[in-house]
PDB file of N, CA and C in Angstrom:
ATOM      1  N   MET A   1     -10.971 -24.713 -20.784  1.00  0.00           N
ATOM      2  CA  MET A   1     -11.309 -23.304 -20.735  1.00  0.00           C
ATOM      3  C   MET A   1     -11.892 -22.916 -22.100  1.00  0.00           C
ATOM      4  N   ASN A   2     -13.100 -22.400 -22.085  1.00  0.00           N
ATOM      5  CA  ASN A   2     -13.762 -22.053 -23.346  1.00  0.00           C
ATOM      6  C   ASN A   2     -13.511 -20.590 -23.715  1.00  0.00           C
ATOM      7  N   LEU A   3     -14.008 -20.201 -24.866  1.00  0.00           N
ATOM      8  CA  LEU A   3     -13.791 -18.853 -25.379  1.00  0.00           C
ATOM      9  C   LEU A   3     -14.405 -17.794 -24.470  1.00  0.00           C
ATOM     10  N   GLN A   4     -15.568 -18.084 -23.912  1.00  0.00           N
ATOM     11  CA  GLN A   4     -16.232 -17.126 -23.030  1.00  0.00           C
ATOM     12  C   GLN A   4     -15.367 -16.829 -21.803  1.00  0.00           C
ATOM     13  N   SER A   5     -14.742 -17.844 -21.242  1.00  0.00           N
ATOM     14  CA  SER A   5     -13.866 -17.655 -20.077  1.00  0.00           C
ATOM     15  C   SER A   5     -12.639 -16.813 -20.444  1.00  0.00           C
ATOM     16  N   LEU A   6     -12.067 -17.071 -21.602  1.00  0.00           N
ATOM     17  CA  LEU A   6     -10.902 -16.301 -22.045  1.00  0.00           C
ATOM     18  C   LEU A   6     -11.242 -14.831 -22.253  1.00  0.00           C
ATOM     19  N   VAL A   7     -12.399 -14.577 -22.848  1.00  0.00           N
ATOM     20  CA  VAL A   7     -12.839 -13.194 -23.047  1.00  0.00           C
ATOM     21  C   VAL A   7     -13.066 -12.513 -21.701  1.00  0.00           C
ATOM     22  N   HIS A   8     -13.689 -13.221 -20.777  1.00  0.00           N
ATOM     23  CA  HIS A   8     -13.948 -12.675 -19.443  1.00  0.00           C
ATOM     24  C   HIS A   8     -12.643 -12.324 -18.729  1.00  0.00           C
ATOM     25  N   ILE A   9     -11.669 -13.206 -18.788  1.00  0.00           N
ATOM     26  CA  ILE A   9     -10.363 -12.931 -18.166  1.00  0.00           C
ATOM     27  C   ILE A   9      -9.687 -11.745 -18.840  1.00  0.00           C
ATOM     28  N   GLY A  10      -9.777 -11.671 -20.156  1.00  0.00           N
ATOM     29  CA  GLY A  10      -9.185 -10.543 -20.887  1.00  0.00           C
ATOM     30  C   GLY A  10      -9.804  -9.209 -20.500  1.00  0.00           C
ATOM     31  N   VAL A  11     -11.118  -9.185 -20.364  1.00  0.00           N
ATOM     32  CA  VAL A  11     -11.813  -7.960 -19.959  1.00  0.00           C
ATOM     33  C   VAL A  11     -11.431  -7.586 -18.533  1.00  0.00           C
ATOM     34  N   ASP A  12     -11.371  -8.569 -17.645  1.00  0.00           N
ATOM     35  CA  ASP A  12     -10.979  -8.297 -16.266  1.00  0.00           C
ATOM     36  C   ASP A  12      -9.566  -7.732 -16.181  1.00  0.00           C
ATOM     37  N   LEU A  13      -8.627  -8.328 -16.903  1.00  0.00           N
ATOM     38  CA  LEU A  13      -7.251  -7.822 -16.910  1.00  0.00           C
ATOM     39  C   LEU A  13      -7.177  -6.401 -17.474  1.00  0.00           C
ATOM     40  N   THR A  14      -7.961  -6.136 -18.498  1.00  0.00           N
ATOM     41  CA  THR A  14      -7.987  -4.798 -19.081  1.00  0.00           C
ATOM     42  C   THR A  14      -8.516  -3.781 -18.082  1.00  0.00           C
ATOM     43  N   LEU A  15      -9.579  -4.115 -17.382  1.00  0.00           N
ATOM     44  CA  LEU A  15     -10.137  -3.181 -16.398  1.00  0.00           C
ATOM     45  C   LEU A  15      -9.162  -2.914 -15.251  1.00  0.00           C
ATOM     46  N   VAL A  16      -8.499  -3.953 -14.774  1.00  0.00           N
ATOM     47  CA  VAL A  16      -7.503  -3.766 -13.706  1.00  0.00           C
ATOM     48  C   VAL A  16      -6.358  -2.896 -14.212  1.00  0.00           C
ATOM     49  N   ALA A  17      -5.897  -3.150 -15.426  1.00  0.00           N
ATOM     50  CA  ALA A  17      -4.809  -2.354 -15.997  1.00  0.00           C
ATOM     51  C   ALA A  17      -5.240  -0.898 -16.181  1.00  0.00           C
ATOM     52  N   MET A  18      -6.492  -0.667 -16.553  1.00  0.00           N
ATOM     53  CA  MET A  18      -6.985   0.707 -16.707  1.00  0.00           C
ATOM     54  C   MET A  18      -7.070   1.413 -15.358  1.00  0.00           C
ATOM     55  N   ILE A  19      -7.468   0.696 -14.312  1.00  0.00           N
ATOM     56  CA  ILE A  19      -7.511   1.289 -12.968  1.00  0.00           C
ATOM     57  C   ILE A  19      -6.105   1.664 -12.526  1.00  0.00           C
ATOM     58  N   LEU A  20      -5.139   0.795 -12.775  1.00  0.00           N
ATOM     59  CA  LEU A  20      -3.756   1.105 -12.416  1.00  0.00           C
ATOM     60  C   LEU A  20      -3.208   2.264 -13.248  1.00  0.00           C
ATOM     61  N   ALA A  21      -3.637   2.368 -14.505  1.00  0.00           N
ATOM     62  CA  ALA A  21      -3.228   3.506 -15.336  1.00  0.00           C
ATOM     63  C   ALA A  21      -3.812   4.808 -14.793  1.00  0.00           C
ATOM     64  N   ALA A  22      -5.064   4.760 -14.357  1.00  0.00           N
ATOM     65  CA  ALA A  22      -5.693   5.948 -13.775  1.00  0.00           C
ATOM     66  C   ALA A  22      -5.005   6.339 -12.474  1.00  0.00           C
ATOM     67  N   LEU A  23      -4.618   5.355 -11.681  1.00  0.00           N
ATOM     68  CA  LEU A  23      -3.889   5.623 -10.443  1.00  0.00           C
ATOM     69  C   LEU A  23      -2.574   6.340 -10.750  1.00  0.00           C
ATOM     70  N   ARG A  24      -1.860   5.869 -11.765  1.00  0.00           N
ATOM     71  CA  ARG A  24      -0.600   6.510 -12.150  1.00  0.00           C
ATOM     72  C   ARG A  24      -0.832   7.932 -12.639  1.00  0.00           C
ATOM     73  N   GLN A  25      -1.861   8.106 -13.457  1.00  0.00           N
ATOM     74  CA  GLN A  25      -2.165   9.426 -14.006  1.00  0.00           C
ATOM     75  C   GLN A  25      -2.523  10.429 -12.914  1.00  0.00           C
ATOM     76  N   ASN A  26      -3.257   9.976 -11.901  1.00  0.00           N
ATOM     77  CA  ASN A  26      -3.769  10.891 -10.882  1.00  0.00           C
ATOM     78  C   ASN A  26      -2.862  11.067  -9.671  1.00  0.00           C
ATOM     79  N   THR A  27      -2.029  10.079  -9.365  1.00  0.00           N
ATOM     80  CA  THR A  27      -1.207  10.173  -8.151  1.00  0.00           C
ATOM     81  C   THR A  27       0.283  10.050  -8.408  1.00  0.00           C
ATOM     82  N   GLY A  28       0.653   9.465  -9.519  1.00  0.00           N
ATOM     83  CA  GLY A  28       2.065   9.218  -9.787  1.00  0.00           C
ATOM     84  C   GLY A  28       2.548   7.879  -9.239  1.00  0.00           C
ATOM     85  N   TYR A  29       1.689   7.148  -8.539  1.00  0.00           N
ATOM     86  CA  TYR A  29       2.062   5.834  -8.017  1.00  0.00           C
ATOM     87  C   TYR A  29       1.907   4.781  -9.107  1.00  0.00           C
ATOM     88  N   VAL A  30       2.871   3.873  -9.175  1.00  0.00           N
ATOM     89  CA  VAL A  30       2.829   2.802 -10.161  1.00  0.00           C
ATOM     90  C   VAL A  30       2.958   1.458  -9.460  1.00  0.00           C
ATOM     91  N   PHE A  31       2.430   0.429 -10.092  1.00  0.00           N
ATOM     92  CA  PHE A  31       2.540  -0.935  -9.597  1.00  0.00           C
ATOM     93  C   PHE A  31       3.992  -1.382  -9.746  1.00  0.00           C
ATOM     94  N   ALA A  32       4.576  -1.918  -8.691  1.00  0.00           N
ATOM     95  CA  ALA A  32       5.970  -2.357  -8.711  1.00  0.00           C
ATOM     96  C   ALA A  32       6.063  -3.724  -9.377  1.00  0.00           C
ATOM     97  N   PHE A  33       5.907  -3.735 -10.688  1.00  0.00           N
ATOM     98  CA  PHE A  33       5.866  -4.988 -11.429  1.00  0.00           C
ATOM     99  C   PHE A  33       7.229  -5.644 -11.560  1.00  0.00           C
ATOM    100  N   GLU A  34       8.293  -4.909 -11.280  1.00  0.00           N
ATOM    101  CA  GLU A  34       9.636  -5.469 -11.411  1.00  0.00           C
ATOM    102  C   GLU A  34       9.859  -6.614 -10.424  1.00  0.00           C
ATOM    103  N   GLN A  35       9.090  -6.617  -9.342  1.00  0.00           N
ATOM    104  CA  GLN A  35       9.275  -7.613  -8.291  1.00  0.00           C
ATOM    105  C   GLN A  35       8.531  -8.913  -8.580  1.00  0.00           C
ATOM    106  N   THR A  36       7.802  -8.952  -9.669  1.00  0.00           N
ATOM    107  CA  THR A  36       7.099 -10.181 -10.029  1.00  0.00           C
ATOM    108  C   THR A  36       8.005 -11.023 -10.922  1.00  0.00           C
ATOM    109  N   GLY A  37       7.735 -12.280 -10.992  1.00  0.00           N
ATOM    110  CA  GLY A  37       8.526 -13.167 -11.838  1.00  0.00           C
ATOM    111  C   GLY A  37       8.213 -13.015 -13.312  1.00  0.00           C
ATOM    112  N   MET A  38       7.116 -12.339 -13.629  1.00  0.00           N
ATOM    113  CA  MET A  38       6.685 -12.197 -15.013  1.00  0.00           C
ATOM    114  C   MET A  38       6.639 -10.720 -15.399  1.00  0.00           C
ATOM    115  N   SER A  39       7.687  -9.985 -15.089  1.00  0.00           N
ATOM    116  CA  SER A  39       7.657  -8.532 -15.278  1.00  0.00           C
ATOM    117  C   SER A  39       7.442  -8.128 -16.736  1.00  0.00           C
ATOM    118  N   HIS A  40       7.941  -8.910 -17.678  1.00  0.00           N
ATOM    119  CA  HIS A  40       7.756  -8.584 -19.097  1.00  0.00           C
ATOM    120  C   HIS A  40       6.269  -8.600 -19.462  1.00  0.00           C
ATOM    121  N   TYR A  41       5.560  -9.624 -19.017  1.00  0.00           N
ATOM    122  CA  TYR A  41       4.135  -9.748 -19.332  1.00  0.00           C
ATOM    123  C   TYR A  41       3.309  -8.702 -18.585  1.00  0.00           C
ATOM    124  N   VAL A  42       3.678  -8.449 -17.339  1.00  0.00           N
ATOM    125  CA  VAL A  42       2.965  -7.436 -16.558  1.00  0.00           C
ATOM    126  C   VAL A  42       3.148  -6.068 -17.198  1.00  0.00           C
ATOM    127  N   HIS A  43       4.349  -5.775 -17.678  1.00  0.00           N
ATOM    128  CA  HIS A  43       4.594  -4.495 -18.349  1.00  0.00           C
ATOM    129  C   HIS A  43       3.732  -4.367 -19.598  1.00  0.00           C
ATOM    130  N   LYS A  44       3.591  -5.448 -20.361  1.00  0.00           N
ATOM    131  CA  LYS A  44       2.743  -5.404 -21.559  1.00  0.00           C
ATOM    132  C   LYS A  44       1.282  -5.145 -21.188  1.00  0.00           C
ATOM    133  N   ILE A  45       0.794  -5.801 -20.124  1.00  0.00           N
ATOM    134  CA  ILE A  45      -0.583  -5.591 -19.682  1.00  0.00           C
ATOM    135  C   ILE A  45      -0.768  -4.155 -19.213  1.00  0.00           C
ATOM    136  N   MET A  46       0.218  -3.619 -18.489  1.00  0.00           N
ATOM    137  CA  MET A  46       0.140  -2.240 -18.003  1.00  0.00           C
ATOM    138  C   MET A  46       0.131  -1.261 -19.180  1.00  0.00           C
ATOM    139  N   SER A  47       0.942  -1.527 -20.186  1.00  0.00           N
ATOM    140  CA  SER A  47       0.949  -0.665 -21.384  1.00  0.00           C
ATOM    141  C   SER A  47      -0.397  -0.721 -22.093  1.00  0.00           C
ATOM    142  N   TRP A  48      -0.997  -1.898 -22.156  1.00  0.00           N
ATOM    143  CA  TRP A  48      -2.333  -2.056 -22.745  1.00  0.00           C
ATOM    144  C   TRP A  48      -3.349  -1.225 -21.962  1.00  0.00           C
ATOM    145  N   GLY A  49      -3.263  -1.257 -20.632  1.00  0.00           N
ATOM    146  CA  GLY A  49      -4.164  -0.469 -19.792  1.00  0.00           C
ATOM    147  C   GLY A  49      -3.994   1.022 -20.016  1.00  0.00           C
ATOM    148  N   GLU A  50      -2.755   1.472 -20.171  1.00  0.00           N
ATOM    149  CA  GLU A  50      -2.490   2.890 -20.460  1.00  0.00           C
ATOM    150  C   GLU A  50      -3.146   3.292 -21.777  1.00  0.00           C
ATOM    151  N   TRP A  51      -3.005   2.446 -22.799  1.00  0.00           N
ATOM    152  CA  TRP A  51      -3.583   2.747 -24.109  1.00  0.00           C
ATOM    153  C   TRP A  51      -5.112   2.792 -24.020  1.00  0.00           C
ATOM    154  N   CYS A  52      -5.708   1.803 -23.347  1.00  0.00           N
ATOM    155  CA  CYS A  52      -7.170   1.760 -23.213  1.00  0.00           C
ATOM    156  C   CYS A  52      -7.683   2.957 -22.414  1.00  0.00           C
ATOM    157  N   TYR A  53      -6.975   3.308 -21.354  1.00  0.00           N
ATOM    158  CA  TYR A  53      -7.380   4.452 -20.530  1.00  0.00           C
ATOM    159  C   TYR A  53      -7.330   5.742 -21.354  1.00  0.00           C
ATOM    160  N   ALA A  54      -6.276   5.925 -22.127  1.00  0.00           N
ATOM    161  CA  ALA A  54      -6.162   7.123 -22.966  1.00  0.00           C
ATOM    162  C   ALA A  54      -7.298   7.186 -23.983  1.00  0.00           C
ATOM    163  N   LYS A  55      -7.631   6.054 -24.588  1.00  0.00           N
ATOM    164  CA  LYS A  55      -8.743   6.017 -25.549  1.00  0.00           C
ATOM    165  C   LYS A  55     -10.069   6.346 -24.868  1.00  0.00           C
ATOM    166  N   PHE A  56     -10.282   5.812 -23.661  1.00  0.00           N
ATOM    167  CA  PHE A  56     -11.523   6.081 -22.934  1.00  0.00           C
ATOM    168  C   PHE A  56     -11.624   7.563 -22.568  1.00  0.00           C
ATOM    169  N   VAL A  57     -10.525   8.158 -22.098  1.00  0.00           N
ATOM    170  CA  VAL A  57     -10.524   9.583 -21.750  1.00  0.00           C
ATOM    171  C   VAL A  57     -10.826  10.422 -22.983  1.00  0.00           C
ATOM    172  N   ASN A  58     -10.200  10.108 -24.112  1.00  0.00           N
ATOM    173  CA  ASN A  58     -10.479  10.849 -25.341  1.00  0.00           C
ATOM    174  C   ASN A  58     -11.943  10.733 -25.749  1.00  0.00           C
ATOM    175  N   HIS A  59     -12.511   9.552 -25.591  1.00  0.00           N
ATOM    176  CA  HIS A  59     -13.930   9.358 -25.913  1.00  0.00           C
ATOM    177  C   HIS A  59     -14.812  10.183 -24.976  1.00  0.00           C
ATOM    178  N   ALA A  60     -14.494  10.160 -23.681  1.00  0.00           N
ATOM    179  CA  ALA A  60     -15.304  10.897 -22.699  1.00  0.00           C
ATOM    180  C   ALA A  60     -15.257  12.397 -22.958  1.00  0.00           C
ATOM    181  N   VAL A  61     -14.101  12.913 -23.319  1.00  0.00           N
ATOM    182  CA  VAL A  61     -13.961  14.351 -23.575  1.00  0.00           C
ATOM    183  C   VAL A  61     -14.825  14.776 -24.763  1.00  0.00           C
ATOM    184  N   ARG A  62     -14.913  13.922 -25.775  1.00  0.00           N
ATOM    185  CA  ARG A  62     -15.684  14.260 -26.973  1.00  0.00           C
ATOM    186  C   ARG A  62     -17.162  13.897 -26.873  1.00  0.00           C
ATOM    187  N   SER A  63     -17.549  13.140 -25.854  1.00  0.00           N
ATOM    188  CA  SER A  63     -18.910  12.629 -25.746  1.00  0.00           C
ATOM    189  C   SER A  63     -19.855  13.660 -25.127  1.00  0.00           C
ATOM    190  N   GLN A  64     -21.103  13.607 -25.539  1.00  0.00           N
ATOM    191  CA  GLN A  64     -22.129  14.472 -24.950  1.00  0.00           C
ATOM    192  C   GLN A  64     -22.601  13.939 -23.604  1.00  0.00           C
ATOM    193  N   TYR A  65     -22.235  12.706 -23.268  1.00  0.00           N
ATOM    194  CA  TYR A  65     -22.685  12.083 -22.032  1.00  0.00           C
ATOM    195  C   TYR A  65     -21.771  12.361 -20.833  1.00  0.00           C
ATOM    196  N   PHE A  66     -20.652  13.035 -21.066  1.00  0.00           N
ATOM    197  CA  PHE A  66     -19.729  13.380 -19.992  1.00  0.00           C
ATOM    198  C   PHE A  66     -19.534  14.890 -19.969  1.00  0.00           C
ATOM    199  N   ARG A  67     -19.321  15.439 -18.764  1.00  0.00           N
ATOM    200  CA  ARG A  67     -19.036  16.860 -18.604  1.00  0.00           C
ATOM    201  C   ARG A  67     -18.075  17.026 -17.447  1.00  0.00           C
ATOM    202  N   LYS A  68     -17.531  18.222 -17.308  1.00  0.00           N
ATOM    203  CA  LYS A  68     -16.660  18.523 -16.176  1.00  0.00           C
ATOM    204  C   LYS A  68     -17.475  18.468 -14.892  1.00  0.00           C
ATOM    205  N   GLN A  69     -16.829  18.048 -13.826  1.00  0.00           N
ATOM    206  CA  GLN A  69     -17.483  17.978 -12.523  1.00  0.00           C
ATOM    207  C   GLN A  69     -17.799  19.382 -12.021  1.00  0.00           C
ATOM    208  N   LEU A  70     -18.975  19.541 -11.424  1.00  0.00           N
ATOM    209  CA  LEU A  70     -19.395  20.806 -10.842  1.00  0.00           C
ATOM    210  C   LEU A  70     -19.349  20.702  -9.320  1.00  0.00           C
ATOM    211  N   PRO A  71     -19.158  21.822  -8.616  1.00  0.00           N
ATOM    212  CA  PRO A  71     -19.105  21.770  -7.149  1.00  0.00           C
ATOM    213  C   PRO A  71     -20.363  21.158  -6.524  1.00  0.00           C
ATOM    214  N   GLY A  72     -21.491  21.338  -7.135  1.00  0.00           N
ATOM    215  CA  GLY A  72     -22.743  20.820  -6.596  1.00  0.00           C
ATOM    216  C   GLY A  72     -22.959  19.334  -6.812  1.00  0.00           C
ATOM    217  N   ASP A  73     -22.073  18.663  -7.539  1.00  0.00           N
ATOM    218  CA  ASP A  73     -22.235  17.229  -7.795  1.00  0.00           C
ATOM    219  C   ASP A  73     -22.078  16.395  -6.531  1.00  0.00           C
ATOM    220  N   GLY A  74     -21.314  16.876  -5.577  1.00  0.00           N
ATOM    221  CA  GLY A  74     -21.163  16.185  -4.309  1.00  0.00           C
ATOM    222  C   GLY A  74     -20.160  15.049  -4.308  1.00  0.00           C
ATOM    223  N   PHE A  75     -19.291  14.971  -5.301  1.00  0.00           N
ATOM    224  CA  PHE A  75     -18.263  13.932  -5.319  1.00  0.00           C
ATOM    225  C   PHE A  75     -17.073  14.385  -4.488  1.00  0.00           C
ATOM    226  N   THR A  76     -16.321  13.420  -3.987  1.00  0.00           N
ATOM    227  CA  THR A  76     -15.107  13.737  -3.251  1.00  0.00           C
ATOM    228  C   THR A  76     -14.108  14.361  -4.208  1.00  0.00           C
ATOM    229  N   THR A  77     -13.529  15.446  -3.803  1.00  0.00           N
ATOM    230  CA  THR A  77     -12.557  16.128  -4.656  1.00  0.00           C
ATOM    231  C   THR A  77     -11.224  16.217  -3.926  1.00  0.00           C
ATOM    232  N   MET A  78     -10.670  15.066  -3.601  1.00  0.00           N
ATOM    233  CA  MET A  78      -9.385  15.049  -2.927  1.00  0.00           C
ATOM    234  C   MET A  78      -8.292  15.472  -3.900  1.00  0.00           C
ATOM    235  N   SER A  79      -7.450  16.376  -3.450  1.00  0.00           N
ATOM    236  CA  SER A  79      -6.339  16.798  -4.284  1.00  0.00           C
ATOM    237  C   SER A  79      -5.197  15.807  -4.144  1.00  0.00           C
ATOM    238  N   LEU A  80      -4.199  15.930  -5.013  1.00  0.00           N
ATOM    239  CA  LEU A  80      -3.029  15.073  -4.954  1.00  0.00           C
ATOM    240  C   LEU A  80      -2.335  15.205  -3.609  1.00  0.00           C
ATOM    241  N   LYS A  81      -2.284  16.420  -3.067  1.00  0.00           N
ATOM    242  CA  LYS A  81      -1.651  16.644  -1.770  1.00  0.00           C
ATOM    243  C   LYS A  81      -2.403  15.885  -0.672  1.00  0.00           C
ATOM    244  N   GLU A  82      -3.727  15.923  -0.698  1.00  0.00           N
ATOM    245  CA  GLU A  82      -4.520  15.220   0.305  1.00  0.00           C
ATOM    246  C   GLU A  82      -4.333  13.708   0.203  1.00  0.00           C
ATOM    247  N   ILE A  83      -4.204  13.195  -1.015  1.00  0.00           N
ATOM    248  CA  ILE A  83      -3.992  11.767  -1.212  1.00  0.00           C
ATOM    249  C   ILE A  83      -2.632  11.365  -0.652  1.00  0.00           C
ATOM    250  N   GLU A  84      -1.596  12.177  -0.903  1.00  0.00           N
ATOM    251  CA  GLU A  84      -0.269  11.884  -0.367  1.00  0.00           C
ATOM    252  C   GLU A  84      -0.273  11.920   1.155  1.00  0.00           C
ATOM    253  N   GLU A  85      -0.975  12.899   1.741  1.00  0.00           N
ATOM    254  CA  GLU A  85      -1.051  12.978   3.201  1.00  0.00           C
ATOM    255  C   GLU A  85      -1.772  11.766   3.771  1.00  0.00           C
ATOM    256  N   LEU A  86      -2.810  11.304   3.106  1.00  0.00           N
ATOM    257  CA  LEU A  86      -3.532  10.116   3.533  1.00  0.00           C
ATOM    258  C   LEU A  86      -2.605   8.907   3.496  1.00  0.00           C
ATOM    259  N   GLY A  87      -1.799   8.797   2.451  1.00  0.00           N
ATOM    260  CA  GLY A  87      -0.843   7.696   2.345  1.00  0.00           C
ATOM    261  C   GLY A  87       0.192   7.735   3.447  1.00  0.00           C
ATOM    262  N   ARG A  88       0.676   8.928   3.791  1.00  0.00           N
ATOM    263  CA  ARG A  88       1.655   9.052   4.876  1.00  0.00           C
ATOM    264  C   ARG A  88       1.018   8.672   6.203  1.00  0.00           C
ATOM    265  N   TYR A  89      -0.218   9.088   6.421  1.00  0.00           N
ATOM    266  CA  TYR A  89      -0.917   8.772   7.679  1.00  0.00           C
ATOM    267  C   TYR A  89      -1.111   7.260   7.804  1.00  0.00           C
ATOM    268  N   ASN A  90      -1.514   6.617   6.711  1.00  0.00           N
ATOM    269  CA  ASN A  90      -1.727   5.170   6.754  1.00  0.00           C
ATOM    270  C   ASN A  90      -0.435   4.402   6.974  1.00  0.00           C
ATOM    271  N   SER A  91       0.676   4.869   6.389  1.00  0.00           N
ATOM    272  CA  SER A  91       1.934   4.155   6.584  1.00  0.00           C
ATOM    273  C   SER A  91       2.447   4.330   8.007  1.00  0.00           C
ATOM    274  N   LYS A  92       2.184   5.461   8.635  1.00  0.00           N
ATOM    275  CA  LYS A  92       2.583   5.670  10.036  1.00  0.00           C
ATOM    276  C   LYS A  92       1.756   4.803  10.966  1.00  0.00           C
ATOM    277  N   SER A  93       0.455   4.683  10.696  1.00  0.00           N
ATOM    278  CA  SER A  93      -0.407   3.898  11.562  1.00  0.00           C
ATOM    279  C   SER A  93      -0.143   2.402  11.427  1.00  0.00           C
ATOM    280  N   ASN A  94       0.401   1.961  10.286  1.00  0.00           N
ATOM    281  CA  ASN A  94       0.699   0.549  10.092  1.00  0.00           C
ATOM    282  C   ASN A  94       1.971   0.108  10.810  1.00  0.00           C
ATOM    283  N   ARG A  95       2.785   1.064  11.249  1.00  0.00           N
ATOM    284  CA  ARG A  95       4.043   0.740  11.920  1.00  0.00           C
ATOM    285  C   ARG A  95       3.839   0.292  13.356  1.00  0.00           C
ATOM    286  N   HIS A  96       2.720   0.634  13.958  1.00  0.00           N
ATOM    287  CA  HIS A  96       2.507   0.300  15.372  1.00  0.00           C
ATOM    288  C   HIS A  96       2.201  -1.136  15.578  1.00  0.00           C
TER     289      HIS A  96
END
């Protein structure tokens, strides 16, 4: 395994950890890392993702290239309540 592969894996792990951090920030759901055999390492990766996500958010807030979403942008604006209802609907449909 060369240096390029290690860097690629590190970047991939960071991006996944940042996505999971964003999921926690927006919905309150967290990855159940306690059930893995390597919970100590997973917790460290998750903490790294939280730190990277916070740094990215701070950068975006101060940057001229980002702005608050406007109603005319056309992005989905699901609220936390709608996301929870979607989760309940999916869990009910999976029981059949």
